[in-house]
């Protein structure tokens, strides 16, 4: 699966310590999504549609997240799925 550079950019919007600055998981995700311009959002949303619809194995999902050079990692793939779903839902609502 080819991972678009716009998604890699998004992974960099989550960094170690950024979660502690947010009041909730929703706010944390919202803070990151706001850093995407319209063009990036137009690429990330369908990519997440595809990723989430495939129900990828945990290791593949984590590879997609980590290969972009994200500084914040998710050792628990279920937590990563939850965050990806929140990102997707916030993009769909905008």
C-alpha atoms as a PDB file:
ATOM      1  CA  UNK A   1       0.000   0.000   0.000  1.00  0.00           C
ATOM      2  CA  UNK A   2       1.397   3.356  -1.051  1.00  0.00           C
ATOM      3  CA  UNK A   3       1.256   5.921   1.723  1.00  0.00           C
ATOM      4  CA  UNK A   4       0.802   9.493   0.491  1.00  0.00           C
ATOM      5  CA  UNK A   5       3.212  12.144   1.717  1.00  0.00           C
ATOM      6  CA  UNK A   6       0.227  14.116   3.014  1.00  0.00           C
ATOM      7  CA  UNK A   7      -0.469  11.317   5.477  1.00  0.00           C
ATOM      8  CA  UNK A   8       3.192  11.280   6.480  1.00  0.00           C
ATOM      9  CA  UNK A   9       2.860  15.019   7.148  1.00  0.00           C
ATOM     10  CA  UNK A  10      -0.142  14.301   9.367  1.00  0.00           C
ATOM     11  CA  UNK A  11       1.807  11.777  11.436  1.00  0.00           C
ATOM     12  CA  UNK A  12       4.297  14.544  12.235  1.00  0.00           C
ATOM     13  CA  UNK A  13       1.462  16.611  13.701  1.00  0.00           C
ATOM     14  CA  UNK A  14       1.476  14.164  16.625  1.00  0.00           C
ATOM     15  CA  UNK A  15       4.626  14.299  18.704  1.00  0.00           C
ATOM     16  CA  UNK A  16       5.767  13.152  22.104  1.00  0.00           C
ATOM     17  CA  UNK A  17       4.241  15.524  24.621  1.00  0.00           C
ATOM     18  CA  UNK A  18       1.486  16.805  22.324  1.00  0.00           C
ATOM     19  CA  UNK A  19      -1.190  14.646  23.938  1.00  0.00           C
ATOM     20  CA  UNK A  20      -0.455  16.135  27.354  1.00  0.00           C
ATOM     21  CA  UNK A  21      -1.180  19.618  25.955  1.00  0.00           C
ATOM     22  CA  UNK A  22      -4.713  18.624  24.941  1.00  0.00           C
ATOM     23  CA  UNK A  23      -7.678  18.282  27.269  1.00  0.00           C
ATOM     24  CA  UNK A  24      -8.959  15.176  25.501  1.00  0.00           C
ATOM     25  CA  UNK A  25      -8.194  12.733  22.723  1.00  0.00           C
ATOM     26  CA  UNK A  26     -10.674  14.573  20.483  1.00  0.00           C
ATOM     27  CA  UNK A  27      -8.889  17.870  21.074  1.00  0.00           C
ATOM     28  CA  UNK A  28      -5.516  16.268  20.383  1.00  0.00           C
ATOM     29  CA  UNK A  29      -6.747  14.954  17.054  1.00  0.00           C
ATOM     30  CA  UNK A  30      -8.453  18.245  16.235  1.00  0.00           C
ATOM     31  CA  UNK A  31      -5.232  20.161  16.888  1.00  0.00           C
ATOM     32  CA  UNK A  32      -3.421  17.947  14.395  1.00  0.00           C
ATOM     33  CA  UNK A  33      -6.160  18.012  11.741  1.00  0.00           C
ATOM     34  CA  UNK A  34      -6.169  21.828  11.829  1.00  0.00           C
ATOM     35  CA  UNK A  35      -2.566  21.759  10.594  1.00  0.00           C
ATOM     36  CA  UNK A  36      -3.674  20.203   7.292  1.00  0.00           C
ATOM     37  CA  UNK A  37      -4.521  22.527   4.440  1.00  0.00           C
ATOM     38  CA  UNK A  38      -7.434  21.742   2.115  1.00  0.00           C
ATOM     39  CA  UNK A  39      -5.239  19.902  -0.391  1.00  0.00           C
ATOM     40  CA  UNK A  40      -3.756  17.639   2.290  1.00  0.00           C
ATOM     41  CA  UNK A  41      -7.200  16.945   3.723  1.00  0.00           C
ATOM     42  CA  UNK A  42      -8.433  15.980   0.252  1.00  0.00           C
ATOM     43  CA  UNK A  43      -5.695  13.340   0.064  1.00  0.00           C
ATOM     44  CA  UNK A  44      -5.733  12.064   3.664  1.00  0.00           C
ATOM     45  CA  UNK A  45      -9.497  11.483   3.901  1.00  0.00           C
ATOM     46  CA  UNK A  46      -9.792   8.954   1.026  1.00  0.00           C
ATOM     47  CA  UNK A  47      -6.554   7.317   2.136  1.00  0.00           C
ATOM     48  CA  UNK A  48      -8.027   6.759   5.598  1.00  0.00           C
ATOM     49  CA  UNK A  49     -11.272   5.531   4.011  1.00  0.00           C
ATOM     50  CA  UNK A  50      -9.215   2.842   2.308  1.00  0.00           C
ATOM     51  CA  UNK A  51      -7.028   1.980   5.311  1.00  0.00           C
ATOM     52  CA  UNK A  52      -9.940   1.691   7.728  1.00  0.00           C
ATOM     53  CA  UNK A  53     -12.123  -0.298   5.329  1.00  0.00           C
ATOM     54  CA  UNK A  54      -9.408  -2.934   4.853  1.00  0.00           C
ATOM     55  CA  UNK A  55      -9.144  -3.807   8.549  1.00  0.00           C
ATOM     56  CA  UNK A  56      -5.398  -4.244   8.128  1.00  0.00           C
ATOM     57  CA  UNK A  57      -3.347  -6.433  10.463  1.00  0.00           C
ATOM     58  CA  UNK A  58      -1.902  -4.591  13.463  1.00  0.00           C
ATOM     59  CA  UNK A  59       1.682  -4.699  12.208  1.00  0.00           C
ATOM     60  CA  UNK A  60       0.720  -3.292   8.793  1.00  0.00           C
ATOM     61  CA  UNK A  61      -1.263  -0.470  10.364  1.00  0.00           C
ATOM     62  CA  UNK A  62       1.640   0.420  12.616  1.00  0.00           C
ATOM     63  CA  UNK A  63       4.056   0.242   9.676  1.00  0.00           C
ATOM     64  CA  UNK A  64       1.926   2.750   7.761  1.00  0.00           C
ATOM     65  CA  UNK A  65       1.996   5.108  10.748  1.00  0.00           C
ATOM     66  CA  UNK A  66       5.673   4.678  11.621  1.00  0.00           C
ATOM     67  CA  UNK A  67       7.169   4.687   8.112  1.00  0.00           C
ATOM     68  CA  UNK A  68       6.331   8.357   7.737  1.00  0.00           C
ATOM     69  CA  UNK A  69       8.753   9.177  10.529  1.00  0.00           C
ATOM     70  CA  UNK A  70       6.184   9.879  13.215  1.00  0.00           C
ATOM     71  CA  UNK A  71       7.771  10.799  16.528  1.00  0.00           C
ATOM     72  CA  UNK A  72       4.680   9.599  18.434  1.00  0.00           C
ATOM     73  CA  UNK A  73       4.218   5.856  18.310  1.00  0.00           C
ATOM     74  CA  UNK A  74       1.287   3.647  19.189  1.00  0.00           C
ATOM     75  CA  UNK A  75       2.430   0.359  20.720  1.00  0.00           C
ATOM     76  CA  UNK A  76      -1.242  -0.642  20.901  1.00  0.00           C
ATOM     77  CA  UNK A  77      -2.720  -0.966  17.389  1.00  0.00           C
ATOM     78  CA  UNK A  78      -6.242  -0.643  18.783  1.00  0.00           C
ATOM     79  CA  UNK A  79      -5.388   2.815  20.107  1.00  0.00           C
ATOM     80  CA  UNK A  80      -3.945   3.711  16.695  1.00  0.00           C
ATOM     81  CA  UNK A  81      -7.148   2.525  15.002  1.00  0.00           C
ATOM     82  CA  UNK A  82      -9.156   4.695  17.391  1.00  0.00           C
ATOM     83  CA  UNK A  83      -7.040   7.766  16.559  1.00  0.00           C
ATOM     84  CA  UNK A  84      -7.224   7.071  12.814  1.00  0.00           C
ATOM     85  CA  UNK A  85     -11.008   6.762  13.076  1.00  0.00           C
ATOM     86  CA  UNK A  86     -11.172  10.087  14.957  1.00  0.00           C
ATOM     87  CA  UNK A  87      -9.028  11.750  12.279  1.00  0.00           C
ATOM     88  CA  UNK A  88     -11.246  10.294   9.561  1.00  0.00           C
ATOM     89  CA  UNK A  89     -14.440  11.398  11.297  1.00  0.00           C
ATOM     90  CA  UNK A  90     -13.150  14.921  11.867  1.00  0.00           C
ATOM     91  CA  UNK A  91     -12.113  15.207   8.219  1.00  0.00           C
ATOM     92  CA  UNK A  92     -15.526  13.935   7.123  1.00  0.00           C
ATOM     93  CA  UNK A  93     -17.268  16.548   9.268  1.00  0.00           C
ATOM     94  CA  UNK A  94     -15.374  19.476   7.745  1.00  0.00           C
END
